Amino acid sequence: MIEKILRALSGAASDRTGSNTRTVYHWRCSCGAHSRGGWLIAFDAEYAAQRHQWYKGVGHQLPEVYSTEEEVP
């Protein structure tokens, strides 16, 4: 019984160590502009995309926000 528990715990620990990634959000625009960094919160990337649109002026399209999985250093 104890051996089963220990095996289950070691399996759960190995699953956690294999997950060294995090979701990072970026934006890119049809005009060729893109984010130079990433954000851990989607709202922050959306706000940066809106700021790009506001800076470019009336009629400029809203950039696309997308996510990537990046390794944690």
C-alpha atoms as a PDB file:
ATOM      1  CA  MET A   1       0.000   0.000   0.000  1.00  0.00           C
ATOM      2  CA  ILE A   2       2.747   2.447   0.955  1.00  0.00           C
ATOM      3  CA  GLU A   3       4.709   1.476  -2.141  1.00  0.00           C
ATOM      4  CA  LYS A   4       1.712   2.387  -4.329  1.00  0.00           C
ATOM      5  CA  ILE A   5       1.483   5.806  -2.702  1.00  0.00           C
ATOM      6  CA  LEU A   6       5.213   6.423  -3.137  1.00  0.00           C
ATOM      7  CA  ARG A   7       5.054   5.414  -6.818  1.00  0.00           C
ATOM      8  CA  ALA A   8       2.081   7.714  -7.377  1.00  0.00           C
ATOM      9  CA  LEU A   9       3.854  10.609  -5.671  1.00  0.00           C
ATOM     10  CA  SER A  10       7.034  10.116  -7.683  1.00  0.00           C
ATOM     11  CA  GLY A  11       4.979  10.079 -10.891  1.00  0.00           C
ATOM     12  CA  ALA A  12       3.267  13.340  -9.944  1.00  0.00           C
ATOM     13  CA  ALA A  13       6.623  14.935  -9.152  1.00  0.00           C
ATOM     14  CA  SER A  14       8.059  13.953 -12.524  1.00  0.00           C
ATOM     15  CA  ASP A  15       5.016  15.469 -14.281  1.00  0.00           C
ATOM     16  CA  ARG A  16       5.633  18.796 -12.567  1.00  0.00           C
ATOM     17  CA  THR A  17       9.311  18.950 -13.472  1.00  0.00           C
ATOM     18  CA  GLY A  18       8.523  18.443 -17.165  1.00  0.00           C
ATOM     19  CA  SER A  19       6.333  21.540 -17.232  1.00  0.00           C
ATOM     20  CA  ASN A  20       8.888  24.367 -17.288  1.00  0.00           C
ATOM     21  CA  THR A  21       6.875  26.529 -19.662  1.00  0.00           C
ATOM     22  CA  ARG A  22       4.616  29.515 -19.253  1.00  0.00           C
ATOM     23  CA  THR A  23       2.174  31.304 -21.521  1.00  0.00           C
ATOM     24  CA  VAL A  24       3.462  34.629 -22.831  1.00  0.00           C
ATOM     25  CA  TYR A  25       1.317  37.071 -24.840  1.00  0.00           C
ATOM     26  CA  HIS A  26       2.523  39.211 -27.774  1.00  0.00           C
ATOM     27  CA  TRP A  27       0.927  41.390 -30.456  1.00  0.00           C
ATOM     28  CA  ARG A  28       1.577  41.891 -34.167  1.00  0.00           C
ATOM     29  CA  CYS A  29       0.032  44.314 -36.630  1.00  0.00           C
ATOM     30  CA  SER A  30      -0.675  44.134 -40.359  1.00  0.00           C
ATOM     31  CA  CYS A  31       1.524  47.243 -40.818  1.00  0.00           C
ATOM     32  CA  GLY A  32       4.545  45.156 -39.765  1.00  0.00           C
ATOM     33  CA  ALA A  33       4.871  46.415 -36.195  1.00  0.00           C
ATOM     34  CA  HIS A  34       5.101  43.884 -33.358  1.00  0.00           C
ATOM     35  CA  SER A  35       5.708  43.704 -29.645  1.00  0.00           C
ATOM     36  CA  ARG A  36       9.350  43.767 -28.597  1.00  0.00           C
ATOM     37  CA  GLY A  37       8.667  41.794 -25.462  1.00  0.00           C
ATOM     38  CA  GLY A  38       6.038  39.609 -23.916  1.00  0.00           C
ATOM     39  CA  TRP A  39       3.431  39.863 -21.182  1.00  0.00           C
ATOM     40  CA  LEU A  40       2.313  37.217 -18.715  1.00  0.00           C
ATOM     41  CA  ILE A  41      -1.210  38.687 -18.629  1.00  0.00           C
ATOM     42  CA  ALA A  42      -3.295  38.820 -21.818  1.00  0.00           C
ATOM     43  CA  PHE A  43      -4.853  42.165 -20.855  1.00  0.00           C
ATOM     44  CA  ASP A  44      -1.448  43.854 -20.787  1.00  0.00           C
ATOM     45  CA  ALA A  45      -0.700  42.724 -24.346  1.00  0.00           C
ATOM     46  CA  GLU A  46      -4.171  43.842 -25.479  1.00  0.00           C
ATOM     47  CA  TYR A  47      -3.606  47.266 -23.937  1.00  0.00           C
ATOM     48  CA  ALA A  48      -0.210  47.603 -25.644  1.00  0.00           C
ATOM     49  CA  ALA A  49      -1.861  46.689 -28.964  1.00  0.00           C
ATOM     50  CA  GLN A  50      -4.500  49.374 -28.379  1.00  0.00           C
ATOM     51  CA  ARG A  51      -1.783  51.933 -27.610  1.00  0.00           C
ATOM     52  CA  HIS A  52      -0.156  51.101 -30.963  1.00  0.00           C
ATOM     53  CA  GLN A  53      -3.492  51.619 -32.702  1.00  0.00           C
ATOM     54  CA  TRP A  54      -4.065  54.955 -30.929  1.00  0.00           C
ATOM     55  CA  TYR A  55      -0.556  56.141 -31.796  1.00  0.00           C
ATOM     56  CA  LYS A  56      -1.032  55.348 -35.491  1.00  0.00           C
ATOM     57  CA  GLY A  57      -4.295  57.287 -35.697  1.00  0.00           C
ATOM     58  CA  VAL A  58      -7.818  56.970 -37.006  1.00  0.00           C
ATOM     59  CA  GLY A  59      -8.492  54.021 -39.300  1.00  0.00           C
ATOM     60  CA  HIS A  60      -5.530  51.905 -38.223  1.00  0.00           C
ATOM     61  CA  GLN A  61      -6.433  48.274 -37.581  1.00  0.00           C
ATOM     62  CA  LEU A  62      -6.225  46.767 -34.104  1.00  0.00           C
ATOM     63  CA  PRO A  63      -3.197  44.445 -33.895  1.00  0.00           C
ATOM     64  CA  GLU A  64      -3.622  40.730 -33.271  1.00  0.00           C
ATOM     65  CA  VAL A  65      -2.773  39.419 -29.800  1.00  0.00           C
ATOM     66  CA  TYR A  66      -1.407  35.879 -29.703  1.00  0.00           C
ATOM     67  CA  SER A  67       0.180  33.601 -27.129  1.00  0.00           C
ATOM     68  CA  THR A  68       3.237  31.381 -27.104  1.00  0.00           C
ATOM     69  CA  GLU A  69       4.583  28.781 -24.701  1.00  0.00           C
ATOM     70  CA  GLU A  70       8.084  29.733 -23.570  1.00  0.00           C
ATOM     71  CA  GLU A  71      10.505  27.932 -21.300  1.00  0.00           C
ATOM     72  CA  VAL A  72      11.063  29.369 -17.856  1.00  0.00           C
ATOM     73  CA  PRO A  73      14.757  30.223 -17.433  1.00  0.00           C
END
